[in-house]
Amino acid sequence: MSMEITKETLEEIDSSQELENMKKVEAALFIAGRFLSIQELITLTDVNPILLKKLLSDLKDKYNDSAIEIICRDNLWKMDVSQEYVDMVNKLAMGSSEFTKAEQETLAIIAYKQPIKQSVIIKIRGNKAYDHIKKFVELGLLGKKKMGHTAELTLNDSFHDYFHTNKEEPLPE
């Protein structure tokens, strides 16, 4: 029994492969939770660059009328909640509170005063702030750079992505 390869068979294979590649890109954007470069997406998904750009455009269209959107900024790509639902999602995220009130207060001081020495935060917030800072560094929200006997704390890009803020704009006073 010989299998005849027809134009239709080839189109089915191409379509199936394209769908699989789209799922890979979609999964990478979903789980990343941050902006990814084309190069990162190529590395993660093993999809060729020309096809990748088409797939990203197709995904953007797929989520056009959805609560989820595909965002492209400076040739970086991210899957996120549509702007009209950000407030609701933030309430949900903060409602079950991923961070305690004390942790939120520590982070707020760092965000407002950064760059700031860890020793200053400890003087303001007390010894519990060591645990807060450790957690925020592990989550990638803060950068911590050794400075003599203390460390300098700054906000990382993931802080801005996590809280949907623009790093170019100063935080409100």
N, C-alpha and C. Protein backbone atom coordinates (compact mmCIF):
# COMPACT_ATOMS: atom_id res chain seq x y z
N MET A 1 0.85 -1.18 0.00
CA MET A 1 0.00 0.00 0.00
C MET A 1 0.89 1.23 0.00
N SER A 2 0.85 1.97 -1.06
CA SER A 2 1.69 3.17 -1.13
C SER A 2 0.85 4.39 -0.79
N MET A 3 1.51 5.30 -0.08
CA MET A 3 0.80 6.53 0.30
C MET A 3 1.17 7.62 -0.70
N GLU A 4 0.16 8.16 -1.32
CA GLU A 4 0.39 9.20 -2.31
C GLU A 4 0.41 10.55 -1.60
N ILE A 5 1.49 11.30 -1.83
CA ILE A 5 1.58 12.64 -1.22
C ILE A 5 0.98 13.62 -2.21
N THR A 6 -0.10 14.21 -1.78
CA THR A 6 -0.79 15.18 -2.62
C THR A 6 -0.56 16.58 -2.09
N LYS A 7 -0.99 17.55 -2.86
CA LYS A 7 -0.90 18.94 -2.45
C LYS A 7 -1.68 19.14 -1.16
N GLU A 8 -2.84 18.49 -1.06
CA GLU A 8 -3.68 18.60 0.14
C GLU A 8 -2.97 18.02 1.36
N THR A 9 -2.29 16.90 1.19
CA THR A 9 -1.56 16.26 2.30
C THR A 9 -0.47 17.19 2.80
N LEU A 10 0.27 17.80 1.88
CA LEU A 10 1.33 18.74 2.26
C LEU A 10 0.77 19.94 2.99
N GLU A 11 -0.37 20.45 2.52
CA GLU A 11 -1.00 21.60 3.18
C GLU A 11 -1.45 21.24 4.58
N GLU A 12 -1.97 20.01 4.77
CA GLU A 12 -2.38 19.56 6.11
C GLU A 12 -1.19 19.49 7.04
N ILE A 13 -0.06 18.97 6.55
CA ILE A 13 1.16 18.87 7.36
C ILE A 13 1.65 20.27 7.75
N ASP A 14 1.68 21.19 6.76
CA ASP A 14 2.11 22.56 7.03
C ASP A 14 1.20 23.22 8.05
N SER A 15 -0.10 23.04 7.87
CA SER A 15 -1.08 23.65 8.78
C SER A 15 -0.93 23.09 10.19
N SER A 16 -0.72 21.79 10.29
CA SER A 16 -0.55 21.14 11.58
C SER A 16 0.72 21.64 12.28
N GLN A 17 1.81 21.78 11.52
CA GLN A 17 3.08 22.26 12.07
C GLN A 17 2.95 23.72 12.51
N GLU A 18 2.25 24.53 11.72
CA GLU A 18 2.06 25.94 12.07
C GLU A 18 1.24 26.07 13.34
N LEU A 19 0.21 25.26 13.48
CA LEU A 19 -0.61 25.27 14.69
C LEU A 19 0.22 24.88 15.91
N GLU A 20 1.06 23.87 15.76
CA GLU A 20 1.94 23.43 16.85
C GLU A 20 2.90 24.55 17.24
N ASN A 21 3.48 25.22 16.24
CA ASN A 21 4.40 26.34 16.50
C ASN A 21 3.68 27.50 17.19
N MET A 22 2.43 27.77 16.78
CA MET A 22 1.66 28.84 17.41
C MET A 22 1.42 28.51 18.88
N LYS A 23 1.11 27.25 19.16
CA LYS A 23 0.88 26.83 20.55
C LYS A 23 2.15 27.01 21.39
N LYS A 24 3.31 26.71 20.81
CA LYS A 24 4.59 26.89 21.52
C LYS A 24 4.81 28.36 21.88
N VAL A 25 4.58 29.23 20.90
CA VAL A 25 4.77 30.67 21.12
C VAL A 25 3.79 31.18 22.16
N GLU A 26 2.54 30.76 22.04
CA GLU A 26 1.49 31.15 22.98
C GLU A 26 1.85 30.70 24.40
N ALA A 27 2.30 29.48 24.55
CA ALA A 27 2.68 28.96 25.87
C ALA A 27 3.86 29.74 26.45
N ALA A 28 4.84 30.06 25.61
CA ALA A 28 6.01 30.82 26.08
C ALA A 28 5.59 32.20 26.57
N LEU A 29 4.74 32.88 25.82
CA LEU A 29 4.27 34.21 26.22
C LEU A 29 3.44 34.13 27.50
N PHE A 30 2.61 33.10 27.60
CA PHE A 30 1.74 32.95 28.75
C PHE A 30 2.54 32.76 30.04
N ILE A 31 3.50 31.88 30.01
CA ILE A 31 4.21 31.52 31.23
C ILE A 31 5.28 32.55 31.60
N ALA A 32 5.79 33.28 30.63
CA ALA A 32 6.88 34.23 30.90
C ALA A 32 6.44 35.35 31.85
N GLY A 33 5.28 35.93 31.60
CA GLY A 33 4.81 37.01 32.45
C GLY A 33 5.64 38.28 32.33
N ARG A 34 6.44 38.37 31.29
CA ARG A 34 7.26 39.55 31.05
C ARG A 34 7.50 39.67 29.55
N PHE A 35 8.09 40.79 29.15
CA PHE A 35 8.40 40.99 27.74
C PHE A 35 9.53 40.05 27.33
N LEU A 36 9.38 39.43 26.16
CA LEU A 36 10.40 38.55 25.60
C LEU A 36 10.87 39.09 24.26
N SER A 37 12.15 39.00 24.00
CA SER A 37 12.69 39.43 22.71
C SER A 37 12.42 38.32 21.68
N ILE A 38 12.54 38.68 20.43
CA ILE A 38 12.39 37.71 19.34
C ILE A 38 13.41 36.58 19.55
N GLN A 39 14.63 36.95 19.91
CA GLN A 39 15.68 35.95 20.11
C GLN A 39 15.32 34.97 21.23
N GLU A 40 14.77 35.50 22.34
CA GLU A 40 14.35 34.61 23.43
C GLU A 40 13.25 33.66 22.96
N LEU A 41 12.31 34.18 22.18
CA LEU A 41 11.22 33.35 21.67
C LEU A 41 11.74 32.27 20.72
N ILE A 42 12.71 32.64 19.89
CA ILE A 42 13.31 31.66 18.97
C ILE A 42 13.98 30.55 19.79
N THR A 43 14.75 30.96 20.80
CA THR A 43 15.46 30.00 21.64
C THR A 43 14.49 29.08 22.36
N LEU A 44 13.41 29.65 22.91
CA LEU A 44 12.43 28.86 23.67
C LEU A 44 11.63 27.91 22.78
N THR A 45 11.22 28.40 21.61
CA THR A 45 10.26 27.65 20.80
C THR A 45 10.88 26.91 19.62
N ASP A 46 12.08 27.32 19.23
CA ASP A 46 12.76 26.72 18.08
C ASP A 46 11.99 26.98 16.78
N VAL A 47 11.27 28.11 16.73
CA VAL A 47 10.53 28.50 15.53
C VAL A 47 11.41 29.48 14.76
N ASN A 48 11.46 29.34 13.43
CA ASN A 48 12.33 30.22 12.66
C ASN A 48 11.81 31.66 12.70
N PRO A 49 12.71 32.65 12.64
CA PRO A 49 12.36 34.07 12.85
C PRO A 49 11.28 34.62 11.93
N ILE A 50 11.30 34.22 10.68
CA ILE A 50 10.31 34.74 9.73
C ILE A 50 8.92 34.23 10.09
N LEU A 51 8.82 32.93 10.36
CA LEU A 51 7.55 32.33 10.77
C LEU A 51 7.10 32.89 12.12
N LEU A 52 8.06 33.10 13.02
CA LEU A 52 7.74 33.61 14.36
C LEU A 52 7.01 34.95 14.27
N LYS A 53 7.49 35.86 13.43
CA LYS A 53 6.85 37.18 13.30
C LYS A 53 5.42 37.04 12.79
N LYS A 54 5.20 36.12 11.85
CA LYS A 54 3.83 35.87 11.35
C LYS A 54 2.96 35.30 12.48
N LEU A 55 3.50 34.35 13.23
CA LEU A 55 2.74 33.73 14.32
C LEU A 55 2.38 34.76 15.40
N LEU A 56 3.32 35.66 15.71
CA LEU A 56 3.04 36.70 16.71
C LEU A 56 1.92 37.61 16.22
N SER A 57 1.95 37.94 14.95
CA SER A 57 0.89 38.77 14.37
C SER A 57 -0.45 38.03 14.41
N ASP A 58 -0.43 36.73 14.08
CA ASP A 58 -1.65 35.91 14.13
C ASP A 58 -2.19 35.81 15.56
N LEU A 59 -1.28 35.65 16.53
CA LEU A 59 -1.71 35.58 17.94
C LEU A 59 -2.33 36.90 18.39
N LYS A 60 -1.72 37.99 17.96
CA LYS A 60 -2.24 39.32 18.29
C LYS A 60 -3.69 39.43 17.78
N ASP A 61 -3.92 38.96 16.55
CA ASP A 61 -5.27 38.96 15.97
C ASP A 61 -6.20 38.02 16.73
N LYS A 62 -5.69 36.84 17.10
CA LYS A 62 -6.50 35.84 17.82
C LYS A 62 -7.06 36.41 19.12
N TYR A 63 -6.27 37.22 19.82
CA TYR A 63 -6.68 37.77 21.10
C TYR A 63 -7.29 39.17 20.98
N ASN A 64 -7.60 39.57 19.76
CA ASN A 64 -8.10 40.92 19.50
C ASN A 64 -9.32 41.29 20.33
N ASP A 65 -10.32 40.44 20.39
CA ASP A 65 -11.55 40.71 21.15
C ASP A 65 -11.59 39.87 22.41
N SER A 66 -10.53 39.95 23.21
CA SER A 66 -10.39 39.10 24.38
C SER A 66 -9.98 39.93 25.59
N ALA A 67 -10.05 39.34 26.76
CA ALA A 67 -9.56 40.00 27.98
C ALA A 67 -8.05 39.88 28.07
N ILE A 68 -7.47 39.11 27.17
CA ILE A 68 -6.02 38.93 27.08
C ILE A 68 -5.56 39.63 25.82
N GLU A 69 -4.36 40.21 25.86
CA GLU A 69 -3.82 40.84 24.66
C GLU A 69 -2.34 40.49 24.50
N ILE A 70 -1.90 40.53 23.27
CA ILE A 70 -0.49 40.35 22.95
C ILE A 70 0.06 41.74 22.66
N ILE A 71 1.06 42.14 23.44
CA ILE A 71 1.60 43.49 23.35
C ILE A 71 3.00 43.42 22.73
N CYS A 72 3.26 44.35 21.82
CA CYS A 72 4.60 44.49 21.25
C CYS A 72 5.08 45.90 21.57
N ARG A 73 6.22 45.97 22.26
CA ARG A 73 6.81 47.27 22.59
C ARG A 73 8.32 47.16 22.36
N ASP A 74 8.84 48.01 21.49
CA ASP A 74 10.28 48.01 21.16
C ASP A 74 10.75 46.62 20.74
N ASN A 75 9.95 45.95 19.92
CA ASN A 75 10.24 44.61 19.40
C ASN A 75 10.36 43.55 20.51
N LEU A 76 9.71 43.83 21.64
CA LEU A 76 9.60 42.86 22.73
C LEU A 76 8.13 42.48 22.83
N TRP A 77 7.86 41.21 23.13
CA TRP A 77 6.49 40.70 23.10
C TRP A 77 6.07 40.15 24.46
N LYS A 78 4.79 40.38 24.78
CA LYS A 78 4.28 39.93 26.07
C LYS A 78 2.78 39.64 25.95
N MET A 79 2.33 38.62 26.68
CA MET A 79 0.90 38.36 26.81
C MET A 79 0.48 38.98 28.14
N ASP A 80 -0.61 39.74 28.12
CA ASP A 80 -1.03 40.40 29.35
C ASP A 80 -2.55 40.56 29.36
N VAL A 81 -3.04 41.02 30.48
CA VAL A 81 -4.47 41.31 30.62
C VAL A 81 -4.75 42.62 29.89
N SER A 82 -5.85 42.68 29.16
CA SER A 82 -6.23 43.91 28.47
C SER A 82 -6.41 45.04 29.47
N GLN A 83 -6.06 46.25 29.05
CA GLN A 83 -6.09 47.43 29.92
C GLN A 83 -7.40 47.58 30.70
N GLU A 84 -8.53 47.29 30.04
CA GLU A 84 -9.82 47.50 30.71
C GLU A 84 -10.04 46.55 31.89
N TYR A 85 -9.23 45.48 32.00
CA TYR A 85 -9.39 44.53 33.10
C TYR A 85 -8.25 44.57 34.11
N VAL A 86 -7.27 45.44 33.91
CA VAL A 86 -6.10 45.51 34.79
C VAL A 86 -6.51 45.81 36.23
N ASP A 87 -7.40 46.79 36.43
CA ASP A 87 -7.82 47.15 37.79
C ASP A 87 -8.47 45.96 38.51
N MET A 88 -9.35 45.27 37.81
CA MET A 88 -10.03 44.12 38.40
C MET A 88 -9.01 43.03 38.76
N VAL A 89 -8.09 42.75 37.85
CA VAL A 89 -7.09 41.70 38.09
C VAL A 89 -6.17 42.10 39.24
N ASN A 90 -5.80 43.38 39.29
CA ASN A 90 -4.95 43.84 40.40
C ASN A 90 -5.67 43.69 41.74
N LYS A 91 -6.97 43.96 41.76
CA LYS A 91 -7.75 43.77 43.00
C LYS A 91 -7.72 42.30 43.40
N LEU A 92 -7.90 41.43 42.41
CA LEU A 92 -7.84 39.99 42.69
C LEU A 92 -6.45 39.61 43.20
N ALA A 93 -5.44 40.11 42.53
CA ALA A 93 -4.07 39.77 42.90
C ALA A 93 -3.73 40.30 44.28
N MET A 94 -4.19 41.50 44.58
CA MET A 94 -3.88 42.10 45.87
C MET A 94 -4.88 41.68 46.95
N GLY A 95 -6.08 41.27 46.53
CA GLY A 95 -7.11 40.88 47.48
C GLY A 95 -6.69 39.69 48.33
N SER A 96 -6.25 38.65 47.67
CA SER A 96 -5.77 37.48 48.41
C SER A 96 -4.37 37.78 48.90
N SER A 97 -3.92 38.93 48.58
CA SER A 97 -2.65 39.51 48.93
C SER A 97 -1.48 38.55 48.94
N GLU A 98 -0.79 38.63 47.83
CA GLU A 98 0.44 37.88 47.68
C GLU A 98 1.47 38.40 48.67
N PHE A 99 1.33 39.70 49.03
CA PHE A 99 2.25 40.33 49.97
C PHE A 99 1.47 40.80 51.20
N THR A 100 2.07 40.64 52.37
CA THR A 100 1.44 41.13 53.59
C THR A 100 1.45 42.65 53.56
N LYS A 101 0.67 43.27 54.43
CA LYS A 101 0.64 44.73 54.52
C LYS A 101 2.05 45.25 54.85
N ALA A 102 2.74 44.58 55.76
CA ALA A 102 4.10 45.00 56.13
C ALA A 102 5.05 44.92 54.93
N GLU A 103 4.94 43.84 54.13
CA GLU A 103 5.78 43.70 52.94
C GLU A 103 5.46 44.79 51.93
N GLN A 104 4.17 45.09 51.76
CA GLN A 104 3.76 46.14 50.83
C GLN A 104 4.34 47.49 51.26
N GLU A 105 4.32 47.77 52.56
CA GLU A 105 4.85 49.03 53.07
C GLU A 105 6.36 49.12 52.85
N THR A 106 7.07 48.02 53.08
CA THR A 106 8.52 47.99 52.84
C THR A 106 8.81 48.25 51.36
N LEU A 107 8.09 47.56 50.49
CA LEU A 107 8.30 47.73 49.06
C LEU A 107 7.95 49.15 48.61
N ALA A 108 6.91 49.71 49.17
CA ALA A 108 6.51 51.08 48.82
C ALA A 108 7.62 52.08 49.16
N ILE A 109 8.24 51.93 50.31
CA ILE A 109 9.33 52.83 50.71
C ILE A 109 10.51 52.68 49.75
N ILE A 110 10.85 51.46 49.42
CA ILE A 110 11.96 51.21 48.49
C ILE A 110 11.64 51.83 47.13
N ALA A 111 10.42 51.62 46.65
CA ALA A 111 10.02 52.15 45.34
C ALA A 111 10.09 53.68 45.33
N TYR A 112 9.68 54.29 46.42
CA TYR A 112 9.64 55.75 46.50
C TYR A 112 11.04 56.35 46.63
N LYS A 113 11.90 55.73 47.44
CA LYS A 113 13.21 56.30 47.77
C LYS A 113 14.36 55.77 46.92
N GLN A 114 14.15 54.72 46.13
CA GLN A 114 15.24 54.06 45.44
C GLN A 114 16.06 54.99 44.56
N PRO A 115 17.39 54.76 44.45
CA PRO A 115 18.13 53.71 45.14
C PRO A 115 18.27 54.04 46.63
N ILE A 116 18.17 53.02 47.46
CA ILE A 116 18.22 53.22 48.91
C ILE A 116 19.04 52.10 49.54
N LYS A 117 19.77 52.46 50.58
CA LYS A 117 20.58 51.45 51.28
C LYS A 117 19.67 50.55 52.10
N GLN A 118 20.00 49.26 52.11
CA GLN A 118 19.24 48.29 52.90
C GLN A 118 19.26 48.70 54.38
N SER A 119 20.37 49.21 54.87
CA SER A 119 20.49 49.59 56.28
C SER A 119 19.46 50.68 56.65
N VAL A 120 19.18 51.57 55.70
CA VAL A 120 18.18 52.63 55.94
C VAL A 120 16.79 52.01 56.06
N ILE A 121 16.49 51.06 55.18
CA ILE A 121 15.19 50.37 55.24
C ILE A 121 15.03 49.64 56.57
N ILE A 122 16.10 48.99 57.03
CA ILE A 122 16.04 48.25 58.29
C ILE A 122 15.79 49.22 59.45
N LYS A 123 16.43 50.40 59.41
CA LYS A 123 16.20 51.41 60.46
C LYS A 123 14.74 51.86 60.46
N ILE A 124 14.17 52.03 59.26
CA ILE A 124 12.79 52.52 59.15
C ILE A 124 11.78 51.41 59.50
N ARG A 125 12.01 50.19 58.95
CA ARG A 125 11.00 49.13 59.04
C ARG A 125 11.30 48.05 60.09
N GLY A 126 12.53 48.01 60.59
CA GLY A 126 12.87 46.98 61.58
C GLY A 126 13.44 45.74 60.92
N ASN A 127 13.85 44.78 61.76
CA ASN A 127 14.55 43.57 61.29
C ASN A 127 13.71 42.69 60.35
N LYS A 128 12.38 42.73 60.47
CA LYS A 128 11.51 41.93 59.59
C LYS A 128 11.73 42.30 58.12
N ALA A 129 12.20 43.52 57.88
CA ALA A 129 12.41 43.98 56.50
C ALA A 129 13.47 43.15 55.78
N TYR A 130 14.40 42.52 56.54
CA TYR A 130 15.37 41.62 55.89
C TYR A 130 14.64 40.52 55.11
N ASP A 131 13.61 39.94 55.74
CA ASP A 131 12.84 38.88 55.09
C ASP A 131 12.07 39.43 53.88
N HIS A 132 11.52 40.64 54.05
CA HIS A 132 10.77 41.26 52.95
C HIS A 132 11.69 41.45 51.74
N ILE A 133 12.86 42.03 52.00
CA ILE A 133 13.82 42.33 50.93
C ILE A 133 14.25 41.04 50.25
N LYS A 134 14.53 40.01 51.05
CA LYS A 134 14.94 38.72 50.50
C LYS A 134 13.87 38.18 49.55
N LYS A 135 12.61 38.26 49.96
CA LYS A 135 11.50 37.78 49.14
C LYS A 135 11.41 38.56 47.83
N PHE A 136 11.52 39.90 47.91
CA PHE A 136 11.40 40.73 46.71
C PHE A 136 12.56 40.51 45.74
N VAL A 137 13.74 40.26 46.28
CA VAL A 137 14.91 39.97 45.43
C VAL A 137 14.70 38.61 44.74
N GLU A 138 14.22 37.61 45.50
CA GLU A 138 13.96 36.28 44.93
C GLU A 138 12.90 36.33 43.84
N LEU A 139 11.90 37.20 44.01
CA LEU A 139 10.84 37.36 43.00
C LEU A 139 11.31 38.18 41.81
N GLY A 140 12.50 38.77 41.93
CA GLY A 140 13.03 39.58 40.83
C GLY A 140 12.50 41.00 40.77
N LEU A 141 11.78 41.42 41.82
CA LEU A 141 11.22 42.77 41.84
C LEU A 141 12.28 43.81 42.19
N LEU A 142 13.28 43.41 42.99
CA LEU A 142 14.33 44.33 43.43
C LEU A 142 15.69 43.83 42.99
N GLY A 143 16.56 44.81 42.74
CA GLY A 143 17.97 44.51 42.54
C GLY A 143 18.70 44.84 43.84
N LYS A 144 19.70 44.05 44.18
CA LYS A 144 20.44 44.25 45.43
C LYS A 144 21.93 44.19 45.09
N LYS A 145 22.63 45.31 45.35
CA LYS A 145 24.04 45.39 45.02
C LYS A 145 24.83 45.70 46.29
N LYS A 146 25.83 44.89 46.59
CA LYS A 146 26.65 45.05 47.79
C LYS A 146 27.32 46.43 47.78
N MET A 147 27.24 47.12 48.93
CA MET A 147 27.86 48.44 49.10
C MET A 147 28.46 48.50 50.49
N GLY A 148 29.73 48.16 50.62
CA GLY A 148 30.36 48.16 51.94
C GLY A 148 29.72 47.12 52.82
N HIS A 149 29.23 47.56 54.00
CA HIS A 149 28.60 46.63 54.95
C HIS A 149 27.11 46.46 54.69
N THR A 150 26.58 47.16 53.72
CA THR A 150 25.14 47.07 53.44
C THR A 150 24.96 46.76 51.95
N ALA A 151 23.77 47.00 51.44
CA ALA A 151 23.47 46.79 50.02
C ALA A 151 22.61 47.94 49.53
N GLU A 152 22.72 48.23 48.25
CA GLU A 152 21.86 49.24 47.64
C GLU A 152 20.71 48.52 46.95
N LEU A 153 19.49 49.00 47.20
CA LEU A 153 18.29 48.39 46.64
C LEU A 153 17.70 49.28 45.56
N THR A 154 17.35 48.67 44.44
CA THR A 154 16.70 49.39 43.33
C THR A 154 15.58 48.52 42.77
N LEU A 155 14.67 49.15 42.05
CA LEU A 155 13.59 48.41 41.39
C LEU A 155 14.13 47.76 40.12
N ASN A 156 13.72 46.54 39.84
CA ASN A 156 14.05 45.87 38.58
C ASN A 156 12.94 46.11 37.57
N ASP A 157 13.21 45.83 36.30
CA ASP A 157 12.19 45.97 35.26
C ASP A 157 10.97 45.11 35.58
N SER A 158 11.18 43.95 36.20
CA SER A 158 10.04 43.08 36.49
C SER A 158 9.09 43.72 37.52
N PHE A 159 9.59 44.65 38.36
CA PHE A 159 8.72 45.39 39.27
C PHE A 159 7.69 46.16 38.43
N HIS A 160 8.19 46.87 37.42
CA HIS A 160 7.31 47.68 36.57
C HIS A 160 6.34 46.81 35.78
N ASP A 161 6.82 45.66 35.30
CA ASP A 161 5.93 44.74 34.59
C ASP A 161 4.86 44.19 35.54
N TYR A 162 5.28 43.80 36.73
CA TYR A 162 4.37 43.19 37.71
C TYR A 162 3.27 44.16 38.13
N PHE A 163 3.65 45.42 38.39
CA PHE A 163 2.67 46.39 38.88
C PHE A 163 2.13 47.31 37.78
N HIS A 164 2.45 46.99 36.53
CA HIS A 164 1.96 47.77 35.38
C HIS A 164 2.29 49.25 35.52
N THR A 165 3.54 49.56 35.84
CA THR A 165 3.97 50.95 35.90
C THR A 165 4.97 51.19 34.79
N ASN A 166 5.16 52.45 34.47
CA ASN A 166 6.11 52.84 33.44
C ASN A 166 7.38 53.28 34.13
N LYS A 167 8.49 52.62 33.87
CA LYS A 167 9.72 52.92 34.60
C LYS A 167 10.28 54.29 34.25
N GLU A 168 9.87 54.86 33.11
CA GLU A 168 10.36 56.19 32.74
C GLU A 168 9.67 57.29 33.55
N GLU A 169 8.44 57.01 33.98
CA GLU A 169 7.70 58.02 34.76
C GLU A 169 8.02 57.86 36.24
N PRO A 170 8.28 58.99 36.93
CA PRO A 170 8.52 58.86 38.38
C PRO A 170 7.24 58.40 39.08
N LEU A 171 7.41 57.70 40.18
CA LEU A 171 6.25 57.27 40.97
C LEU A 171 5.61 58.49 41.61
N PRO A 172 4.29 58.51 41.79
CA PRO A 172 3.61 59.67 42.36
C PRO A 172 4.07 59.95 43.79
N GLU A 173 4.13 61.24 44.12
CA GLU A 173 4.55 61.63 45.47
C GLU A 173 3.37 61.71 46.40
